[in-house]
Amino acid sequence: MNPDNPLAPSFPRRRESSNKNSPQCGQNLDDELLRGDCCELGKRPSIPANLGSTNWIPAYAGMTSFGVNGLVGLKSPLLSSVFRKCMLLLLCGLSVALNIAESLAAEPAVILFIGDSHSVGSFGIQQDALLRNVPGFRVATYAVCGSSPLSWLEGEKTRCGYFFKDSKGREQRGLEADTPLLANLLKTHQPRYTVVELGANMYGGSAEWMEATAHDMAMAIVNSGSKCIWIGPPQARIQPELGRVFNALNKAVGQYCLLFDSRKFTAYPAAGGDGIHFDSLGESGQRVAEQWALQAYYAFSPVLEVAKPQRKPEAH
């Protein structure tokens, strides 16, 4: 009985070991944790150097008083074995978690590039190449012919072509495919930057529709934690009122995205081609598309905090 507190339970006093050959504190970690008659109360056992204080102390600190004072009952071989296995599982779990965290931290950030038929062609090929040369980033490109912001929000099907190139450089091309859902792309890639080239297929729509769909797309991007860069549509012969599209984009996404006005850097000839796509003009149109991609990259590359390409492609 405790004379200071008659109601307190009494415990037998720890028996001093008379065996001079018995293990001493600090010789064996498992024994120190599991044997109540080795270490003095309140004295922590030594921590082996190969465990490291960072990995070991959090697991040990939570059971210090209980481990030394209350685990005398674990002299049972069965309980001792169970406890030892639990501790090993805990340490293994911590090690796996740290390894996963380190691998994720080492993974380069992603630039997500989304576009319409211009990005399926020469403009997109050039822009994809420029982005893949940005140090410290991976690039995932998805371009779908005929797509508008609504296509990426609802997964509309295309029958006029697509160009996909994942972050490992694996390329896919074809005529028919469902437009990837923006929500899935953002979840899968978790991009730091999202570059959007859309607007040409919004031509002819109402201002309300253009603003609403573009706004929804921009909000989905920024709400995911990604920064938004939007490349507006270029000049086109059969789309003389592209100013309406750009004004709608400016109202819808200008507050959330860096908006590039492609009209200032493109010109479509009065004759030849299909009136929209530069690739339909042949080699001369391809050069226009490539220069357009380069000018767009010049405009937003400071946001990426990278240097501009050292030399522009030679004009022919």
C-alpha atoms as a PDB file:
ATOM      1  CA  MET A   1       0.000   0.000   0.000  1.00  0.00           C
ATOM      2  CA  ASN A   2       1.149   3.508  -0.788  1.00  0.00           C
ATOM      3  CA  PRO A   3       1.338   5.411   2.587  1.00  0.00           C
ATOM      4  CA  ASP A   4       0.791   8.763   0.829  1.00  0.00           C
ATOM      5  CA  ASN A   5      -2.330   7.586  -0.960  1.00  0.00           C
ATOM      6  CA  PRO A   6      -4.126   4.571   0.579  1.00  0.00           C
ATOM      7  CA  LEU A   7      -6.405   4.271  -2.482  1.00  0.00           C
ATOM      8  CA  ALA A   8      -3.564   4.050  -4.989  1.00  0.00           C
ATOM      9  CA  PRO A   9      -2.819   0.530  -6.208  1.00  0.00           C
ATOM     10  CA  SER A  10       0.440  -0.926  -5.065  1.00  0.00           C
ATOM     11  CA  PHE A  11       2.965  -2.559  -7.392  1.00  0.00           C
ATOM     12  CA  PRO A  12       5.786  -4.852  -6.433  1.00  0.00           C
ATOM     13  CA  ARG A  13       9.156  -3.098  -6.338  1.00  0.00           C
ATOM     14  CA  ARG A  14      11.438  -3.792  -9.253  1.00  0.00           C
ATOM     15  CA  ARG A  15      13.779  -6.631  -8.469  1.00  0.00           C
ATOM     16  CA  GLU A  16      17.438  -5.793  -8.926  1.00  0.00           C
ATOM     17  CA  SER A  17      19.215  -8.269 -11.109  1.00  0.00           C
ATOM     18  CA  SER A  18      21.934 -10.144  -9.263  1.00  0.00           C
ATOM     19  CA  ASN A  19      23.354 -11.650 -12.434  1.00  0.00           C
ATOM     20  CA  LYS A  20      26.468  -9.737 -13.406  1.00  0.00           C
ATOM     21  CA  ASN A  21      26.192 -11.136 -16.914  1.00  0.00           C
ATOM     22  CA  SER A  22      22.649  -9.823 -17.444  1.00  0.00           C
ATOM     23  CA  PRO A  23      22.257  -7.314 -20.321  1.00  0.00           C
ATOM     24  CA  GLN A  24      22.793  -3.677 -19.429  1.00  0.00           C
ATOM     25  CA  CYS A  25      20.745  -0.701 -20.605  1.00  0.00           C
ATOM     26  CA  GLY A  26      21.655   0.310 -24.142  1.00  0.00           C
ATOM     27  CA  GLN A  27      22.896  -3.095 -25.256  1.00  0.00           C
ATOM     28  CA  ASN A  28      19.758  -4.346 -26.947  1.00  0.00           C
ATOM     29  CA  LEU A  29      16.903  -2.124 -28.063  1.00  0.00           C
ATOM     30  CA  ASP A  30      14.260  -4.838 -28.145  1.00  0.00           C
ATOM     31  CA  ASP A  31      15.193  -6.012 -24.639  1.00  0.00           C
ATOM     32  CA  GLU A  32      15.193  -2.494 -23.264  1.00  0.00           C
ATOM     33  CA  LEU A  33      11.699  -1.866 -24.587  1.00  0.00           C
ATOM     34  CA  LEU A  34      10.264  -5.192 -23.548  1.00  0.00           C
ATOM     35  CA  ARG A  35      12.027  -5.891 -20.267  1.00  0.00           C
ATOM     36  CA  GLY A  36      10.723  -3.993 -17.241  1.00  0.00           C
ATOM     37  CA  ASP A  37      13.630  -5.028 -15.000  1.00  0.00           C
ATOM     38  CA  CYS A  38      16.450  -3.494 -17.040  1.00  0.00           C
ATOM     39  CA  CYS A  39      16.160   0.269 -17.240  1.00  0.00           C
ATOM     40  CA  GLU A  40      15.407   2.641 -14.430  1.00  0.00           C
ATOM     41  CA  LEU A  41      12.038   4.338 -14.518  1.00  0.00           C
ATOM     42  CA  GLY A  42      12.015   7.374 -16.767  1.00  0.00           C
ATOM     43  CA  LYS A  43      15.325   6.506 -18.423  1.00  0.00           C
ATOM     44  CA  ARG A  44      15.113   6.136 -22.201  1.00  0.00           C
ATOM     45  CA  PRO A  45      16.966   3.289 -23.825  1.00  0.00           C
ATOM     46  CA  SER A  46      19.720   4.133 -26.250  1.00  0.00           C
ATOM     47  CA  ILE A  47      18.763   4.616 -29.915  1.00  0.00           C
ATOM     48  CA  PRO A  48      20.819   2.677 -32.432  1.00  0.00           C
ATOM     49  CA  ALA A  49      22.533   4.935 -34.962  1.00  0.00           C
ATOM     50  CA  ASN A  50      21.232   2.935 -37.908  1.00  0.00           C
ATOM     51  CA  LEU A  51      17.626   3.778 -37.018  1.00  0.00           C
ATOM     52  CA  GLY A  52      18.165   7.520 -36.975  1.00  0.00           C
ATOM     53  CA  SER A  53      16.539   9.837 -34.455  1.00  0.00           C
ATOM     54  CA  THR A  54      14.066  11.243 -37.009  1.00  0.00           C
ATOM     55  CA  ASN A  55      12.465   7.877 -37.764  1.00  0.00           C
ATOM     56  CA  TRP A  56      12.641   6.457 -34.292  1.00  0.00           C
ATOM     57  CA  ILE A  57      11.825   9.159 -31.773  1.00  0.00           C
ATOM     58  CA  PRO A  58       8.221   9.878 -32.909  1.00  0.00           C
ATOM     59  CA  ALA A  59       7.326   6.188 -32.551  1.00  0.00           C
ATOM     60  CA  TYR A  60       9.129   5.887 -29.240  1.00  0.00           C
ATOM     61  CA  ALA A  61       8.096   9.177 -27.674  1.00  0.00           C
ATOM     62  CA  GLY A  62       4.402   8.316 -27.723  1.00  0.00           C
ATOM     63  CA  MET A  63       4.941   5.277 -25.517  1.00  0.00           C
ATOM     64  CA  THR A  64       7.876   6.302 -23.303  1.00  0.00           C
ATOM     65  CA  SER A  65       6.226   6.179 -19.906  1.00  0.00           C
ATOM     66  CA  PHE A  66       3.950   3.312 -20.838  1.00  0.00           C
ATOM     67  CA  GLY A  67       6.745   1.358 -22.475  1.00  0.00           C
ATOM     68  CA  VAL A  68       9.068   1.430 -19.485  1.00  0.00           C
ATOM     69  CA  ASN A  69       6.558   1.439 -16.648  1.00  0.00           C
ATOM     70  CA  GLY A  70       3.635  -0.505 -18.009  1.00  0.00           C
ATOM     71  CA  LEU A  71       4.923  -3.113 -20.415  1.00  0.00           C
ATOM     72  CA  VAL A  72       6.368  -5.445 -17.787  1.00  0.00           C
ATOM     73  CA  GLY A  73       3.634  -7.863 -18.774  1.00  0.00           C
ATOM     74  CA  LEU A  74       5.252  -8.210 -22.215  1.00  0.00           C
ATOM     75  CA  LYS A  75       7.776 -10.643 -20.733  1.00  0.00           C
ATOM     76  CA  SER A  76       5.406 -13.175 -22.278  1.00  0.00           C
ATOM     77  CA  PRO A  77       7.184 -14.475 -25.422  1.00  0.00           C
ATOM     78  CA  LEU A  78       3.966 -14.265 -27.439  1.00  0.00           C
ATOM     79  CA  LEU A  79       3.229 -10.642 -26.514  1.00  0.00           C
ATOM     80  CA  SER A  80       6.871  -9.737 -26.968  1.00  0.00           C
ATOM     81  CA  SER A  81       6.844 -11.143 -30.491  1.00  0.00           C
ATOM     82  CA  VAL A  82       3.623  -9.341 -31.388  1.00  0.00           C
ATOM     83  CA  PHE A  83       4.920  -6.037 -30.080  1.00  0.00           C
ATOM     84  CA  ARG A  84       8.203  -6.413 -31.943  1.00  0.00           C
ATOM     85  CA  LYS A  85       6.370  -7.156 -35.202  1.00  0.00           C
ATOM     86  CA  CYS A  86       4.123  -4.126 -34.709  1.00  0.00           C
ATOM     87  CA  MET A  87       7.144  -1.888 -34.207  1.00  0.00           C
ATOM     88  CA  LEU A  88       8.801  -3.285 -37.340  1.00  0.00           C
ATOM     89  CA  LEU A  89       5.623  -2.709 -39.376  1.00  0.00           C
ATOM     90  CA  LEU A  90       5.417   0.854 -38.107  1.00  0.00           C
ATOM     91  CA  LEU A  91       9.015   1.577 -39.050  1.00  0.00           C
ATOM     92  CA  CYS A  92       8.556  -0.044 -42.470  1.00  0.00           C
ATOM     93  CA  GLY A  93       5.433   2.041 -43.068  1.00  0.00           C
ATOM     94  CA  LEU A  94       7.284   5.235 -42.202  1.00  0.00           C
ATOM     95  CA  SER A  95      10.093   4.280 -44.559  1.00  0.00           C
ATOM     96  CA  VAL A  96       7.708   3.580 -47.456  1.00  0.00           C
ATOM     97  CA  ALA A  97       5.870   6.869 -46.871  1.00  0.00           C
ATOM     98  CA  LEU A  98       9.133   8.810 -46.878  1.00  0.00           C
ATOM     99  CA  ASN A  99      10.265   7.110 -50.083  1.00  0.00           C
ATOM    100  CA  ILE A 100       6.970   7.943 -51.811  1.00  0.00           C
ATOM    101  CA  ALA A 101       7.164  11.560 -50.656  1.00  0.00           C
ATOM    102  CA  GLU A 102      10.719  11.859 -51.933  1.00  0.00           C
ATOM    103  CA  SER A 103       9.827  10.401 -55.342  1.00  0.00           C
ATOM    104  CA  LEU A 104       6.860  12.760 -55.723  1.00  0.00           C
ATOM    105  CA  ALA A 105       8.954  15.731 -54.704  1.00  0.00           C
ATOM    106  CA  ALA A 106      11.555  14.803 -57.315  1.00  0.00           C
ATOM    107  CA  GLU A 107       8.971  14.513 -60.117  1.00  0.00           C
ATOM    108  CA  PRO A 108       9.170  17.512 -62.509  1.00  0.00           C
ATOM    109  CA  ALA A 109       6.164  19.821 -62.703  1.00  0.00           C
ATOM    110  CA  VAL A 110       3.753  19.534 -65.638  1.00  0.00           C
ATOM    111  CA  ILE A 111       2.695  22.008 -68.306  1.00  0.00           C
ATOM    112  CA  LEU A 112      -0.663  20.985 -69.765  1.00  0.00           C
ATOM    113  CA  PHE A 113      -1.213  22.189 -73.358  1.00  0.00           C
ATOM    114  CA  ILE A 114      -4.747  22.103 -74.798  1.00  0.00           C
ATOM    115  CA  GLY A 115      -5.807  23.215 -78.271  1.00  0.00           C
ATOM    116  CA  ASP A 116      -8.059  22.938 -81.302  1.00  0.00           C
ATOM    117  CA  SER A 117      -7.228  22.117 -84.954  1.00  0.00           C
ATOM    118  CA  HIS A 118      -4.507  24.797 -85.048  1.00  0.00           C
ATOM    119  CA  SER A 119      -2.738  22.793 -82.340  1.00  0.00           C
ATOM    120  CA  VAL A 120      -3.296  19.545 -84.226  1.00  0.00           C
ATOM    121  CA  GLY A 121      -1.225  21.144 -87.006  1.00  0.00           C
ATOM    122  CA  SER A 122       1.990  23.153 -87.316  1.00  0.00           C
ATOM    123  CA  PHE A 123       1.190  25.644 -84.577  1.00  0.00           C
ATOM    124  CA  GLY A 124       0.672  22.892 -82.000  1.00  0.00           C
ATOM    125  CA  ILE A 125       3.714  20.885 -83.066  1.00  0.00           C
ATOM    126  CA  GLN A 126       5.912  23.968 -82.694  1.00  0.00           C
ATOM    127  CA  GLN A 127       4.360  25.022 -79.389  1.00  0.00           C
ATOM    128  CA  ASP A 128       4.697  21.518 -77.987  1.00  0.00           C
ATOM    129  CA  ALA A 129       8.394  21.451 -78.960  1.00  0.00           C
ATOM    130  CA  LEU A 130       9.022  24.839 -77.343  1.00  0.00           C
ATOM    131  CA  LEU A 131       7.328  23.814 -74.114  1.00  0.00           C
ATOM    132  CA  ARG A 132       9.238  20.531 -73.940  1.00  0.00           C
ATOM    133  CA  ASN A 133      12.472  22.505 -73.928  1.00  0.00           C
ATOM    134  CA  VAL A 134      11.485  24.394 -70.776  1.00  0.00           C
ATOM    135  CA  PRO A 135      13.904  23.222 -68.052  1.00  0.00           C
ATOM    136  CA  GLY A 136      12.380  21.400 -65.094  1.00  0.00           C
ATOM    137  CA  PHE A 137       9.006  20.644 -66.696  1.00  0.00           C
ATOM    138  CA  ARG A 138       7.209  17.767 -68.353  1.00  0.00           C
ATOM    139  CA  VAL A 139       4.578  18.518 -71.001  1.00  0.00           C
ATOM    140  CA  ALA A 140       1.278  16.817 -71.772  1.00  0.00           C
ATOM    141  CA  THR A 141      -0.367  17.948 -75.023  1.00  0.00           C
ATOM    142  CA  TYR A 142      -3.967  17.325 -76.086  1.00  0.00           C
ATOM    143  CA  ALA A 143      -5.276  18.922 -79.292  1.00  0.00           C
ATOM    144  CA  VAL A 144      -8.686  18.138 -80.786  1.00  0.00           C
ATOM    145  CA  CYS A 145      -9.987  19.405 -84.119  1.00  0.00           C
ATOM    146  CA  GLY A 146     -13.218  21.383 -83.924  1.00  0.00           C
ATOM    147  CA  SER A 147     -13.055  21.801 -80.153  1.00  0.00           C
ATOM    148  CA  SER A 148     -14.208  24.774 -78.094  1.00  0.00           C
ATOM    149  CA  PRO A 149     -14.188  25.181 -74.296  1.00  0.00           C
ATOM    150  CA  LEU A 150     -17.477  23.310 -74.108  1.00  0.00           C
ATOM    151  CA  SER A 151     -15.883  20.282 -75.809  1.00  0.00           C
ATOM    152  CA  TRP A 152     -13.359  19.939 -72.967  1.00  0.00           C
ATOM    153  CA  LEU A 153     -16.018  20.413 -70.325  1.00  0.00           C
ATOM    154  CA  GLU A 154     -18.380  17.785 -71.782  1.00  0.00           C
ATOM    155  CA  GLY A 155     -16.107  15.396 -73.705  1.00  0.00           C
ATOM    156  CA  GLU A 156     -17.550  15.963 -77.178  1.00  0.00           C
ATOM    157  CA  LYS A 157     -16.448  13.616 -79.952  1.00  0.00           C
ATOM    158  CA  THR A 158     -14.283  14.767 -82.853  1.00  0.00           C
ATOM    159  CA  ARG A 159     -14.243  13.259 -86.342  1.00  0.00           C
ATOM    160  CA  CYS A 160     -11.712  15.584 -87.965  1.00  0.00           C
ATOM    161  CA  GLY A 161      -8.501  14.723 -86.132  1.00  0.00           C
ATOM    162  CA  TYR A 162      -6.576  14.834 -82.877  1.00  0.00           C
ATOM    163  CA  PHE A 163      -2.992  15.017 -81.636  1.00  0.00           C
ATOM    164  CA  PHE A 164      -2.056  13.711 -78.186  1.00  0.00           C
ATOM    165  CA  LYS A 165       1.454  13.580 -76.736  1.00  0.00           C
ATOM    166  CA  ASP A 166       1.887  12.555 -73.119  1.00  0.00           C
ATOM    167  CA  SER A 167       4.490  13.632 -70.592  1.00  0.00           C
ATOM    168  CA  LYS A 168       6.771  10.778 -71.673  1.00  0.00           C
ATOM    169  CA  GLY A 169       6.695  11.870 -75.303  1.00  0.00           C
ATOM    170  CA  ARG A 170       4.380   9.116 -76.552  1.00  0.00           C
ATOM    171  CA  GLU A 171       2.324  10.428 -79.469  1.00  0.00           C
ATOM    172  CA  GLN A 172      -1.130   9.511 -80.749  1.00  0.00           C
ATOM    173  CA  ARG A 173      -2.861  10.757 -83.894  1.00  0.00           C
ATOM    174  CA  GLY A 174      -6.112   9.833 -85.544  1.00  0.00           C
ATOM    175  CA  LEU A 175      -9.425  11.121 -86.876  1.00  0.00           C
ATOM    176  CA  GLU A 176     -12.015  10.107 -84.298  1.00  0.00           C
ATOM    177  CA  ALA A 177     -11.800  10.399 -80.517  1.00  0.00           C
ATOM    178  CA  ASP A 178     -13.645  11.747 -77.543  1.00  0.00           C
ATOM    179  CA  THR A 179     -12.290  15.058 -76.341  1.00  0.00           C
ATOM    180  CA  PRO A 180     -10.576  14.373 -73.004  1.00  0.00           C
ATOM    181  CA  LEU A 181     -12.464  15.866 -70.097  1.00  0.00           C
ATOM    182  CA  LEU A 182     -10.647  18.840 -68.634  1.00  0.00           C
ATOM    183  CA  ALA A 183     -11.440  17.701 -65.097  1.00  0.00           C
ATOM    184  CA  ASN A 184      -9.702  14.359 -65.736  1.00  0.00           C
ATOM    185  CA  LEU A 185      -6.645  16.008 -67.286  1.00  0.00           C
ATOM    186  CA  LEU A 186      -6.274  18.382 -64.351  1.00  0.00           C
ATOM    187  CA  LYS A 187      -6.654  15.551 -61.855  1.00  0.00           C
ATOM    188  CA  THR A 188      -4.236  13.246 -63.669  1.00  0.00           C
ATOM    189  CA  HIS A 189      -1.466  15.724 -64.443  1.00  0.00           C
ATOM    190  CA  GLN A 190      -1.938  18.319 -61.686  1.00  0.00           C
ATOM    191  CA  PRO A 191      -0.273  20.898 -63.945  1.00  0.00           C
ATOM    192  CA  ARG A 192       1.523  23.940 -62.634  1.00  0.00           C
ATOM    193  CA  TYR A 193       0.641  25.748 -65.863  1.00  0.00           C
ATOM    194  CA  THR A 194      -2.161  25.128 -68.341  1.00  0.00           C
ATOM    195  CA  VAL A 195      -1.749  26.615 -71.815  1.00  0.00           C
ATOM    196  CA  VAL A 196      -5.011  26.836 -73.769  1.00  0.00           C
ATOM    197  CA  GLU A 197      -5.269  27.598 -77.504  1.00  0.00           C
ATOM    198  CA  LEU A 198      -9.002  27.866 -78.147  1.00  0.00           C
ATOM    199  CA  GLY A 199     -11.490  30.314 -79.620  1.00  0.00           C
ATOM    200  CA  ALA A 200     -11.669  29.772 -83.386  1.00  0.00           C
ATOM    201  CA  ASN A 201     -14.558  27.313 -83.014  1.00  0.00           C
ATOM    202  CA  MET A 202     -16.512  29.743 -80.869  1.00  0.00           C
ATOM    203  CA  TYR A 203     -17.001  31.966 -83.909  1.00  0.00           C
ATOM    204  CA  GLY A 204     -20.695  32.525 -84.614  1.00  0.00           C
ATOM    205  CA  GLY A 205     -21.856  31.809 -81.078  1.00  0.00           C
ATOM    206  CA  SER A 206     -23.627  34.318 -78.877  1.00  0.00           C
ATOM    207  CA  ALA A 207     -21.552  36.521 -76.611  1.00  0.00           C
ATOM    208  CA  GLU A 208     -23.278  34.972 -73.587  1.00  0.00           C
ATOM    209  CA  TRP A 209     -22.417  31.425 -74.670  1.00  0.00           C
ATOM    210  CA  MET A 210     -18.818  32.287 -75.484  1.00  0.00           C
ATOM    211  CA  GLU A 211     -18.282  34.063 -72.181  1.00  0.00           C
ATOM    212  CA  ALA A 212     -20.008  31.399 -70.081  1.00  0.00           C
ATOM    213  CA  THR A 213     -18.160  28.389 -71.523  1.00  0.00           C
ATOM    214  CA  ALA A 214     -14.747  30.084 -71.561  1.00  0.00           C
ATOM    215  CA  HIS A 215     -15.276  31.315 -67.998  1.00  0.00           C
ATOM    216  CA  ASP A 216     -16.190  27.820 -66.794  1.00  0.00           C
ATOM    217  CA  MET A 217     -13.044  26.402 -68.360  1.00  0.00           C
ATOM    218  CA  ALA A 218     -10.800  29.091 -66.883  1.00  0.00           C
ATOM    219  CA  MET A 219     -12.313  28.637 -63.422  1.00  0.00           C
ATOM    220  CA  ALA A 220     -11.803  24.876 -63.562  1.00  0.00           C
ATOM    221  CA  ILE A 221      -8.134  25.467 -64.361  1.00  0.00           C
ATOM    222  CA  VAL A 222      -7.376  28.037 -61.669  1.00  0.00           C
ATOM    223  CA  ASN A 223      -9.456  26.248 -59.042  1.00  0.00           C
ATOM    224  CA  SER A 224      -7.302  23.168 -59.597  1.00  0.00           C
ATOM    225  CA  GLY A 225      -4.260  25.183 -58.525  1.00  0.00           C
ATOM    226  CA  SER A 226      -2.867  25.598 -62.039  1.00  0.00           C
ATOM    227  CA  LYS A 227      -1.905  28.930 -63.585  1.00  0.00           C
ATOM    228  CA  CYS A 228      -3.757  29.686 -66.819  1.00  0.00           C
ATOM    229  CA  ILE A 229      -2.326  30.959 -70.111  1.00  0.00           C
ATOM    230  CA  TRP A 230      -4.826  31.439 -72.944  1.00  0.00           C
ATOM    231  CA  ILE A 231      -3.829  31.904 -76.596  1.00  0.00           C
ATOM    232  CA  GLY A 232      -6.660  33.505 -78.546  1.00  0.00           C
ATOM    233  CA  PRO A 233      -7.580  32.647 -82.159  1.00  0.00           C
ATOM    234  CA  PRO A 234      -5.462  33.928 -85.081  1.00  0.00           C
ATOM    235  CA  GLN A 235      -6.598  35.903 -88.104  1.00  0.00           C
ATOM    236  CA  ALA A 236      -8.755  34.018 -90.620  1.00  0.00           C
ATOM    237  CA  ARG A 237     -10.155  35.128 -93.972  1.00  0.00           C
ATOM    238  CA  ILE A 238     -13.618  33.657 -93.449  1.00  0.00           C
ATOM    239  CA  GLN A 239     -13.869  34.855 -89.843  1.00  0.00           C
ATOM    240  CA  PRO A 240     -13.726  38.635 -90.166  1.00  0.00           C
ATOM    241  CA  GLU A 241     -15.426  39.287 -86.837  1.00  0.00           C
ATOM    242  CA  LEU A 242     -12.914  37.549 -84.591  1.00  0.00           C
ATOM    243  CA  GLY A 243     -12.918  40.709 -82.498  1.00  0.00           C
ATOM    244  CA  ARG A 244     -16.200  39.496 -80.980  1.00  0.00           C
ATOM    245  CA  VAL A 245     -14.548  36.250 -79.935  1.00  0.00           C
ATOM    246  CA  PHE A 246     -11.527  37.985 -78.443  1.00  0.00           C
ATOM    247  CA  ASN A 247     -13.712  40.481 -76.557  1.00  0.00           C
ATOM    248  CA  ALA A 248     -15.750  37.595 -75.108  1.00  0.00           C
ATOM    249  CA  LEU A 249     -12.558  35.804 -74.089  1.00  0.00           C
ATOM    250  CA  ASN A 250     -11.202  38.951 -72.491  1.00  0.00           C
ATOM    251  CA  LYS A 251     -14.343  39.348 -70.393  1.00  0.00           C
ATOM    252  CA  ALA A 252     -14.503  35.655 -69.497  1.00  0.00           C
ATOM    253  CA  VAL A 253     -10.886  34.741 -68.763  1.00  0.00           C
ATOM    254  CA  GLY A 254      -8.895  37.983 -68.709  1.00  0.00           C
ATOM    255  CA  GLN A 255      -9.155  38.192 -64.934  1.00  0.00           C
ATOM    256  CA  TYR A 256      -7.890  34.631 -64.424  1.00  0.00           C
ATOM    257  CA  CYS A 257      -5.559  33.887 -67.356  1.00  0.00           C
ATOM    258  CA  LEU A 258      -2.733  35.554 -69.200  1.00  0.00           C
ATOM    259  CA  LEU A 259      -4.510  36.230 -72.516  1.00  0.00           C
ATOM    260  CA  PHE A 260      -2.495  36.428 -75.749  1.00  0.00           C
ATOM    261  CA  ASP A 261      -4.024  38.250 -78.765  1.00  0.00           C
ATOM    262  CA  SER A 262      -2.896  36.145 -81.721  1.00  0.00           C
ATOM    263  CA  ARG A 263      -4.471  38.499 -84.274  1.00  0.00           C
ATOM    264  CA  LYS A 264      -1.552  40.914 -83.901  1.00  0.00           C
ATOM    265  CA  PHE A 265       0.967  38.297 -85.038  1.00  0.00           C
ATOM    266  CA  THR A 266      -0.887  36.506 -87.839  1.00  0.00           C
ATOM    267  CA  ALA A 267      -2.257  37.361 -91.267  1.00  0.00           C
ATOM    268  CA  TYR A 268      -4.277  35.226 -93.648  1.00  0.00           C
ATOM    269  CA  PRO A 269      -3.961  35.872 -97.387  1.00  0.00           C
ATOM    270  CA  ALA A 270      -6.887  37.037 -99.478  1.00  0.00           C
ATOM    271  CA  ALA A 271      -6.748  33.892-101.589  1.00  0.00           C
ATOM    272  CA  GLY A 272      -5.712  30.289-101.140  1.00  0.00           C
ATOM    273  CA  GLY A 273      -6.162  27.729 -98.424  1.00  0.00           C
ATOM    274  CA  ASP A 274      -9.416  26.997 -96.619  1.00  0.00           C
ATOM    275  CA  GLY A 275      -9.608  30.462 -95.091  1.00  0.00           C
ATOM    276  CA  ILE A 276      -8.894  29.266 -91.517  1.00  0.00           C
ATOM    277  CA  HIS A 277      -6.008  26.817 -91.215  1.00  0.00           C
ATOM    278  CA  PHE A 278      -2.494  27.949 -92.056  1.00  0.00           C
ATOM    279  CA  ASP A 279      -1.413  24.410 -92.932  1.00  0.00           C
ATOM    280  CA  SER A 280      -3.900  24.455 -95.833  1.00  0.00           C
ATOM    281  CA  LEU A 281      -1.692  27.147 -97.453  1.00  0.00           C
ATOM    282  CA  GLY A 282       1.217  24.762 -97.730  1.00  0.00           C
ATOM    283  CA  GLU A 283       4.763  25.534 -96.666  1.00  0.00           C
ATOM    284  CA  SER A 284       4.262  29.297 -96.437  1.00  0.00           C
ATOM    285  CA  GLY A 285       1.289  28.803 -94.124  1.00  0.00           C
ATOM    286  CA  GLN A 286       3.214  26.372 -91.970  1.00  0.00           C
ATOM    287  CA  ARG A 287       5.904  29.018 -91.432  1.00  0.00           C
ATOM    288  CA  VAL A 288       3.222  31.518 -90.364  1.00  0.00           C
ATOM    289  CA  ALA A 289       1.850  28.997 -87.851  1.00  0.00           C
ATOM    290  CA  GLU A 290       5.315  28.272 -86.461  1.00  0.00           C
ATOM    291  CA  GLN A 291       6.104  31.982 -86.079  1.00  0.00           C
ATOM    292  CA  TRP A 292       2.740  32.455 -84.362  1.00  0.00           C
ATOM    293  CA  ALA A 293       3.650  29.712 -81.873  1.00  0.00           C
ATOM    294  CA  LEU A 294       7.023  31.320 -81.264  1.00  0.00           C
ATOM    295  CA  GLN A 295       5.537  34.792 -80.670  1.00  0.00           C
ATOM    296  CA  ALA A 296       3.013  33.340 -78.234  1.00  0.00           C
ATOM    297  CA  TYR A 297       5.821  31.578 -76.388  1.00  0.00           C
ATOM    298  CA  TYR A 298       7.833  34.818 -76.270  1.00  0.00           C
ATOM    299  CA  ALA A 299       4.852  36.524 -74.650  1.00  0.00           C
ATOM    300  CA  PHE A 300       4.187  34.039 -71.859  1.00  0.00           C
ATOM    301  CA  SER A 301       7.642  32.551 -71.250  1.00  0.00           C
ATOM    302  CA  PRO A 302       8.416  35.163 -68.520  1.00  0.00           C
ATOM    303  CA  VAL A 303       5.523  33.669 -66.546  1.00  0.00           C
ATOM    304  CA  LEU A 304       7.316  30.313 -66.725  1.00  0.00           C
ATOM    305  CA  GLU A 305      10.470  32.049 -65.453  1.00  0.00           C
ATOM    306  CA  VAL A 306      12.573  30.601 -68.254  1.00  0.00           C
ATOM    307  CA  ALA A 307      14.741  32.160 -70.919  1.00  0.00           C
ATOM    308  CA  LYS A 308      13.495  32.733 -74.438  1.00  0.00           C
ATOM    309  CA  PRO A 309      14.941  30.578 -77.213  1.00  0.00           C
ATOM    310  CA  GLN A 310      18.310  31.966 -78.195  1.00  0.00           C
ATOM    311  CA  ARG A 311      17.592  32.183 -81.921  1.00  0.00           C
ATOM    312  CA  LYS A 312      14.449  32.547 -83.977  1.00  0.00           C
ATOM    313  CA  PRO A 313      13.914  30.137 -86.859  1.00  0.00           C
ATOM    314  CA  GLU A 314      15.186  31.620 -90.096  1.00  0.00           C
ATOM    315  CA  ALA A 315      12.529  33.119 -92.349  1.00  0.00           C
ATOM    316  CA  HIS A 316      12.320  31.771 -95.911  1.00  0.00           C
END
